[in-house]
Amino acid sequence: MESFPMRADRESAAELLVKMREAFGDRVEIDILDPRCSFWIFDLIRFRVKSTEAVWVLDGKLIFRGIPLWEDLEKALRTRVDTT
């Protein structure tokens, strides 16, 4: 793991994904898209996804680039999940 590019971002994203699952269970669907996979080409272009940066999309809208604070991500998710 220490030799991986963007190691800290990957670990931080993993922590956020665990927190999301703990806080929201199956009320939130989590999909991880690999920008090297052409299957997601339209989403990759639409959200200008780069292999060097995480992007967070909620209901078809880009909400964060990079790794957000848990509080900010939770607030964005609660706003949407609690209203459905």
Protein backbone atom coordinates (compact mmCIF):
# COMPACT_ATOMS: atom_id res chain seq x y z
CA MET A 1 0.00 0.00 0.00
CA GLU A 2 2.86 2.40 0.71
CA SER A 3 4.03 2.34 -2.90
CA PHE A 4 0.55 3.06 -4.32
CA PRO A 5 -0.01 6.51 -5.82
CA MET A 6 -2.44 8.60 -3.79
CA ARG A 7 -2.24 6.17 -0.86
CA ALA A 8 -3.61 8.65 1.69
CA ASP A 9 -6.60 9.51 -0.54
CA ARG A 10 -7.42 5.84 -1.07
CA GLU A 11 -7.31 5.15 2.66
CA SER A 12 -9.42 8.24 3.42
CA ALA A 13 -11.99 7.28 0.80
CA ALA A 14 -12.16 3.76 2.23
CA GLU A 15 -12.81 5.18 5.71
CA LEU A 16 -15.62 7.35 4.33
CA LEU A 17 -17.19 4.40 2.53
CA VAL A 18 -17.22 2.38 5.76
CA LYS A 19 -18.79 5.30 7.62
CA MET A 20 -21.40 5.68 4.89
CA ARG A 21 -22.35 2.02 5.14
CA GLU A 22 -22.52 2.22 8.96
CA ALA A 23 -24.62 5.41 8.94
CA PHE A 24 -26.96 4.67 6.04
CA GLY A 25 -26.93 0.91 5.54
CA ASP A 26 -28.68 -0.11 2.34
CA ARG A 27 -30.46 3.25 1.97
CA VAL A 28 -27.45 4.44 -0.07
CA GLU A 29 -26.14 2.57 -3.09
CA ILE A 30 -22.39 2.86 -3.49
CA ASP A 31 -20.79 2.34 -6.90
CA ILE A 32 -17.08 2.69 -7.46
CA LEU A 33 -16.15 3.54 -11.05
CA ASP A 34 -12.70 2.90 -12.40
CA PRO A 35 -11.76 5.63 -14.88
CA ARG A 36 -9.76 3.05 -16.86
CA CYS A 37 -12.95 1.16 -17.70
CA SER A 38 -14.68 2.33 -20.89
CA PHE A 39 -18.04 0.94 -19.69
CA TRP A 40 -18.54 4.16 -17.70
CA ILE A 41 -17.32 6.47 -20.49
CA PHE A 42 -20.35 8.78 -20.49
CA ASP A 43 -20.21 9.34 -16.73
CA LEU A 44 -16.45 9.78 -16.85
CA ILE A 45 -16.79 12.48 -19.49
CA ARG A 46 -19.85 14.10 -17.90
CA PHE A 47 -18.16 14.51 -14.51
CA ARG A 48 -14.64 14.97 -15.91
CA VAL A 49 -13.30 12.12 -13.81
CA LYS A 50 -9.52 11.84 -13.60
CA SER A 51 -7.57 8.88 -12.34
CA THR A 52 -5.82 11.18 -9.86
CA GLU A 53 -8.90 12.47 -8.06
CA ALA A 54 -11.94 10.96 -6.39
CA VAL A 55 -15.31 12.41 -7.33
CA TRP A 56 -18.52 11.98 -5.35
CA VAL A 57 -21.78 11.92 -7.28
CA LEU A 58 -25.19 11.92 -5.63
CA ASP A 59 -28.32 11.36 -7.71
CA GLY A 60 -26.54 12.28 -10.92
CA LYS A 61 -25.02 15.49 -9.54
CA LEU A 62 -21.35 16.03 -8.72
CA ILE A 63 -21.16 17.02 -5.05
CA PHE A 64 -17.43 16.78 -4.25
CA ARG A 65 -14.05 16.49 -5.90
CA GLY A 66 -11.29 14.99 -3.84
CA ILE A 67 -11.85 13.66 -0.33
CA PRO A 68 -14.51 15.60 1.60
CA LEU A 69 -14.76 15.85 5.36
CA TRP A 70 -17.08 13.22 6.82
CA GLU A 71 -19.35 15.94 8.21
CA ASP A 72 -19.83 17.48 4.77
CA LEU A 73 -20.46 14.15 3.07
CA GLU A 74 -22.86 13.03 5.79
CA LYS A 75 -24.79 16.29 5.56
CA ALA A 76 -25.15 15.95 1.78
CA LEU A 77 -26.31 12.35 2.11
CA ARG A 78 -28.69 13.01 5.00
CA THR A 79 -30.31 15.85 3.07
CA ARG A 80 -31.12 13.45 0.24
CA VAL A 81 -31.75 10.20 2.13
CA ASP A 82 -33.97 11.74 4.80
CA THR A 83 -36.21 13.39 2.18
CA THR A 84 -36.96 10.20 0.26
